[in-house]
Amino acid sequence: MKRHHTELKCLKESLAANHIIMQEDSAENYTLRQQNEIMAAHWAPQRVTLFTAVVYYKENNELKNISYSVISDELDHNKHSVFRL
């Protein structure tokens, strides 16, 4: 984990104009809970996948970022779940 943090810091410091760094993660089969949920909801919880990403970029030589979060009801997690351009 320390090496990952060090590498990301180095990439941010050397980020060139018109380039981005995208850091992404997903939480599979995340269970949704409601405050004061009824018994039926307790025994049949809804599950989702959370996909989060942070995009780092430079604007006027200043490092900035944008955060994204996508909630999906797709619970299949295989090689077809990710699409690369």
N, C-alpha and C. Protein backbone atom coordinates (compact mmCIF):
# COMPACT_ATOMS: atom_id res chain seq x y z
N MET A 1 0.82 -1.18 0.00
CA MET A 1 0.00 0.00 0.00
C MET A 1 0.87 1.26 0.00
N LYS A 2 1.96 1.22 0.74
CA LYS A 2 2.85 2.38 0.79
C LYS A 2 3.47 2.65 -0.58
N ARG A 3 3.85 1.57 -1.26
CA ARG A 3 4.44 1.74 -2.60
C ARG A 3 3.41 2.33 -3.57
N HIS A 4 2.17 1.86 -3.46
CA HIS A 4 1.11 2.38 -4.32
C HIS A 4 0.94 3.88 -4.10
N HIS A 5 0.91 4.31 -2.84
CA HIS A 5 0.77 5.73 -2.51
C HIS A 5 1.96 6.54 -3.06
N THR A 6 3.16 6.01 -2.90
CA THR A 6 4.36 6.70 -3.38
C THR A 6 4.35 6.83 -4.90
N GLU A 7 3.95 5.77 -5.59
CA GLU A 7 3.90 5.79 -7.06
C GLU A 7 2.85 6.78 -7.56
N LEU A 8 1.68 6.80 -6.93
CA LEU A 8 0.63 7.73 -7.32
C LEU A 8 1.08 9.17 -7.10
N LYS A 9 1.75 9.43 -6.00
CA LYS A 9 2.26 10.78 -5.72
C LYS A 9 3.25 11.22 -6.79
N CYS A 10 4.13 10.31 -7.19
CA CYS A 10 5.13 10.60 -8.23
C CYS A 10 4.44 10.87 -9.58
N LEU A 11 3.43 10.07 -9.91
CA LEU A 11 2.70 10.28 -11.16
C LEU A 11 1.99 11.63 -11.18
N LYS A 12 1.39 12.01 -10.06
CA LYS A 12 0.71 13.30 -9.97
C LYS A 12 1.69 14.46 -10.16
N GLU A 13 2.86 14.35 -9.53
CA GLU A 13 3.85 15.43 -9.61
C GLU A 13 4.40 15.60 -11.02
N SER A 14 4.47 14.50 -11.77
CA SER A 14 5.05 14.56 -13.12
C SER A 14 3.99 14.53 -14.23
N LEU A 15 2.73 14.73 -13.87
CA LEU A 15 1.65 14.68 -14.84
C LEU A 15 1.80 15.78 -15.89
N ALA A 16 1.81 15.36 -17.14
CA ALA A 16 1.98 16.31 -18.25
C ALA A 16 0.63 16.93 -18.62
N ALA A 17 0.72 18.09 -19.27
CA ALA A 17 -0.50 18.74 -19.77
C ALA A 17 -1.17 17.81 -20.78
N ASN A 18 -2.48 17.84 -20.85
CA ASN A 18 -3.28 17.01 -21.76
C ASN A 18 -3.19 15.52 -21.46
N HIS A 19 -2.79 15.16 -20.23
CA HIS A 19 -2.78 13.77 -19.78
C HIS A 19 -3.63 13.69 -18.52
N ILE A 20 -4.10 12.48 -18.23
CA ILE A 20 -4.86 12.27 -17.00
C ILE A 20 -4.34 11.03 -16.28
N ILE A 21 -4.64 10.96 -15.01
CA ILE A 21 -4.45 9.74 -14.22
C ILE A 21 -5.84 9.36 -13.75
N MET A 22 -6.22 8.10 -13.96
CA MET A 22 -7.53 7.64 -13.52
C MET A 22 -7.34 6.51 -12.53
N GLN A 23 -7.82 6.72 -11.32
CA GLN A 23 -7.74 5.71 -10.26
C GLN A 23 -9.15 5.20 -10.02
N GLU A 24 -9.35 3.89 -10.14
CA GLU A 24 -10.70 3.35 -10.05
C GLU A 24 -10.75 2.15 -9.12
N ASP A 25 -11.95 1.87 -8.64
CA ASP A 25 -12.17 0.73 -7.76
C ASP A 25 -13.64 0.35 -7.84
N SER A 26 -13.96 -0.85 -7.37
CA SER A 26 -15.36 -1.25 -7.32
C SER A 26 -15.61 -2.03 -6.04
N ALA A 27 -16.82 -1.92 -5.55
CA ALA A 27 -17.27 -2.69 -4.40
C ALA A 27 -18.38 -3.60 -4.91
N GLU A 28 -18.11 -4.87 -4.96
CA GLU A 28 -19.05 -5.82 -5.53
C GLU A 28 -20.03 -6.31 -4.48
N ASN A 29 -21.28 -6.51 -4.91
CA ASN A 29 -22.33 -7.04 -4.05
C ASN A 29 -22.50 -6.25 -2.76
N TYR A 30 -22.48 -4.94 -2.89
CA TYR A 30 -22.69 -4.05 -1.76
C TYR A 30 -24.17 -4.12 -1.38
N THR A 31 -24.45 -4.32 -0.11
CA THR A 31 -25.83 -4.46 0.35
C THR A 31 -26.39 -3.10 0.75
N LEU A 32 -27.54 -2.77 0.18
CA LEU A 32 -28.22 -1.52 0.52
C LEU A 32 -29.04 -1.72 1.79
N ARG A 33 -28.93 -0.79 2.70
CA ARG A 33 -29.70 -0.83 3.95
C ARG A 33 -30.47 0.48 4.09
N GLN A 34 -31.61 0.40 4.73
CA GLN A 34 -32.41 1.59 4.97
C GLN A 34 -32.55 1.78 6.48
N GLN A 35 -32.54 3.02 6.89
CA GLN A 35 -32.77 3.31 8.29
C GLN A 35 -34.20 2.91 8.64
N ASN A 36 -34.38 2.25 9.77
CA ASN A 36 -35.71 1.80 10.23
C ASN A 36 -36.40 0.91 9.20
N GLU A 37 -35.61 0.02 8.55
CA GLU A 37 -36.19 -0.83 7.52
C GLU A 37 -37.17 -1.85 8.12
N ILE A 38 -38.14 -2.23 7.32
CA ILE A 38 -39.13 -3.22 7.77
C ILE A 38 -38.50 -4.61 7.68
N MET A 39 -39.12 -5.58 8.33
CA MET A 39 -38.57 -6.94 8.40
C MET A 39 -38.36 -7.55 7.02
N ALA A 40 -39.27 -7.32 6.07
CA ALA A 40 -39.14 -7.89 4.72
C ALA A 40 -37.87 -7.38 4.04
N ALA A 41 -37.54 -6.12 4.24
CA ALA A 41 -36.32 -5.56 3.65
C ALA A 41 -35.08 -6.15 4.32
N HIS A 42 -35.19 -6.45 5.60
CA HIS A 42 -34.05 -7.03 6.32
C HIS A 42 -33.69 -8.40 5.77
N TRP A 43 -34.68 -9.21 5.43
CA TRP A 43 -34.43 -10.58 4.98
C TRP A 43 -34.23 -10.69 3.48
N ALA A 44 -34.51 -9.64 2.73
CA ALA A 44 -34.31 -9.67 1.28
C ALA A 44 -33.64 -8.36 0.84
N PRO A 45 -32.39 -8.16 1.27
CA PRO A 45 -31.74 -6.89 0.93
C PRO A 45 -31.40 -6.79 -0.55
N GLN A 46 -31.41 -5.58 -1.06
CA GLN A 46 -31.04 -5.33 -2.46
C GLN A 46 -29.52 -5.17 -2.52
N ARG A 47 -28.92 -5.77 -3.53
CA ARG A 47 -27.47 -5.68 -3.70
C ARG A 47 -27.15 -4.93 -4.97
N VAL A 48 -26.04 -4.19 -4.93
CA VAL A 48 -25.59 -3.41 -6.07
C VAL A 48 -24.07 -3.48 -6.15
N THR A 49 -23.55 -3.02 -7.26
CA THR A 49 -22.11 -2.85 -7.43
C THR A 49 -21.83 -1.36 -7.48
N LEU A 50 -20.85 -0.91 -6.71
CA LEU A 50 -20.42 0.48 -6.72
C LEU A 50 -19.12 0.58 -7.49
N PHE A 51 -19.08 1.46 -8.44
CA PHE A 51 -17.86 1.72 -9.21
C PHE A 51 -17.47 3.17 -8.95
N THR A 52 -16.28 3.37 -8.42
CA THR A 52 -15.82 4.73 -8.14
C THR A 52 -14.53 5.01 -8.91
N ALA A 53 -14.35 6.27 -9.27
CA ALA A 53 -13.14 6.66 -9.99
C ALA A 53 -12.80 8.11 -9.65
N VAL A 54 -11.52 8.38 -9.65
CA VAL A 54 -11.02 9.75 -9.50
C VAL A 54 -10.12 10.02 -10.70
N VAL A 55 -10.37 11.13 -11.38
CA VAL A 55 -9.56 11.52 -12.53
C VAL A 55 -8.74 12.75 -12.12
N TYR A 56 -7.44 12.63 -12.23
CA TYR A 56 -6.53 13.74 -11.93
C TYR A 56 -6.08 14.36 -13.25
N TYR A 57 -6.00 15.69 -13.29
CA TYR A 57 -5.56 16.40 -14.47
C TYR A 57 -4.95 17.73 -14.04
N LYS A 58 -4.24 18.36 -14.95
CA LYS A 58 -3.66 19.67 -14.66
C LYS A 58 -4.36 20.74 -15.47
N GLU A 59 -4.66 21.84 -14.78
CA GLU A 59 -5.25 23.00 -15.42
C GLU A 59 -4.47 24.22 -14.94
N ASN A 60 -3.89 24.95 -15.89
CA ASN A 60 -3.02 26.09 -15.56
C ASN A 60 -1.90 25.66 -14.61
N ASN A 61 -1.34 24.48 -14.87
CA ASN A 61 -0.23 23.91 -14.10
C ASN A 61 -0.62 23.59 -12.65
N GLU A 62 -1.91 23.52 -12.36
CA GLU A 62 -2.40 23.17 -11.02
C GLU A 62 -3.11 21.82 -11.09
N LEU A 63 -2.75 20.91 -10.19
CA LEU A 63 -3.36 19.58 -10.17
C LEU A 63 -4.79 19.68 -9.65
N LYS A 64 -5.73 19.11 -10.41
CA LYS A 64 -7.14 19.11 -10.04
C LYS A 64 -7.66 17.69 -10.16
N ASN A 65 -8.86 17.46 -9.62
CA ASN A 65 -9.45 16.13 -9.76
C ASN A 65 -10.97 16.22 -9.85
N ILE A 66 -11.54 15.17 -10.43
CA ILE A 66 -12.98 15.00 -10.54
C ILE A 66 -13.28 13.59 -10.05
N SER A 67 -14.29 13.45 -9.21
CA SER A 67 -14.68 12.14 -8.68
C SER A 67 -15.97 11.67 -9.34
N TYR A 68 -16.04 10.37 -9.60
CA TYR A 68 -17.21 9.76 -10.20
C TYR A 68 -17.65 8.57 -9.36
N SER A 69 -18.93 8.32 -9.35
CA SER A 69 -19.47 7.14 -8.69
C SER A 69 -20.65 6.63 -9.51
N VAL A 70 -20.65 5.34 -9.79
CA VAL A 70 -21.73 4.73 -10.56
C VAL A 70 -22.28 3.58 -9.74
N ILE A 71 -23.60 3.52 -9.61
CA ILE A 71 -24.26 2.43 -8.92
C ILE A 71 -24.94 1.57 -9.97
N SER A 72 -24.70 0.26 -9.91
CA SER A 72 -25.26 -0.65 -10.92
C SER A 72 -25.90 -1.85 -10.24
N ASP A 73 -26.98 -2.35 -10.83
CA ASP A 73 -27.58 -3.58 -10.31
C ASP A 73 -26.99 -4.82 -10.97
N GLU A 74 -25.97 -4.64 -11.80
CA GLU A 74 -25.28 -5.75 -12.45
C GLU A 74 -24.38 -6.42 -11.42
N LEU A 75 -24.67 -7.69 -11.08
CA LEU A 75 -23.91 -8.39 -10.05
C LEU A 75 -22.96 -9.44 -10.62
N ASP A 76 -22.95 -9.60 -11.95
CA ASP A 76 -21.98 -10.52 -12.56
C ASP A 76 -20.63 -9.82 -12.64
N HIS A 77 -19.62 -10.46 -12.11
CA HIS A 77 -18.28 -9.86 -12.09
C HIS A 77 -17.32 -10.79 -12.82
N ASN A 78 -17.19 -10.54 -14.10
CA ASN A 78 -16.31 -11.36 -14.92
C ASN A 78 -15.61 -10.47 -15.94
N LYS A 79 -14.90 -11.07 -16.87
CA LYS A 79 -14.14 -10.27 -17.83
C LYS A 79 -15.03 -9.45 -18.75
N HIS A 80 -16.30 -9.78 -18.86
CA HIS A 80 -17.21 -9.01 -19.70
C HIS A 80 -17.80 -7.80 -18.98
N SER A 81 -17.54 -7.68 -17.69
CA SER A 81 -18.07 -6.56 -16.91
C SER A 81 -17.32 -5.27 -17.14
N VAL A 82 -16.10 -5.35 -17.69
CA VAL A 82 -15.28 -4.17 -17.91
C VAL A 82 -15.02 -4.03 -19.40
N PHE A 83 -15.14 -2.81 -19.90
CA PHE A 83 -14.90 -2.53 -21.32
C PHE A 83 -13.83 -1.46 -21.42
N ARG A 84 -12.78 -1.75 -22.15
CA ARG A 84 -11.69 -0.78 -22.33
C ARG A 84 -11.73 -0.23 -23.75
N LEU A 85 -11.49 1.07 -23.86
CA LEU A 85 -11.44 1.72 -25.17
C LEU A 85 -10.04 1.63 -25.72
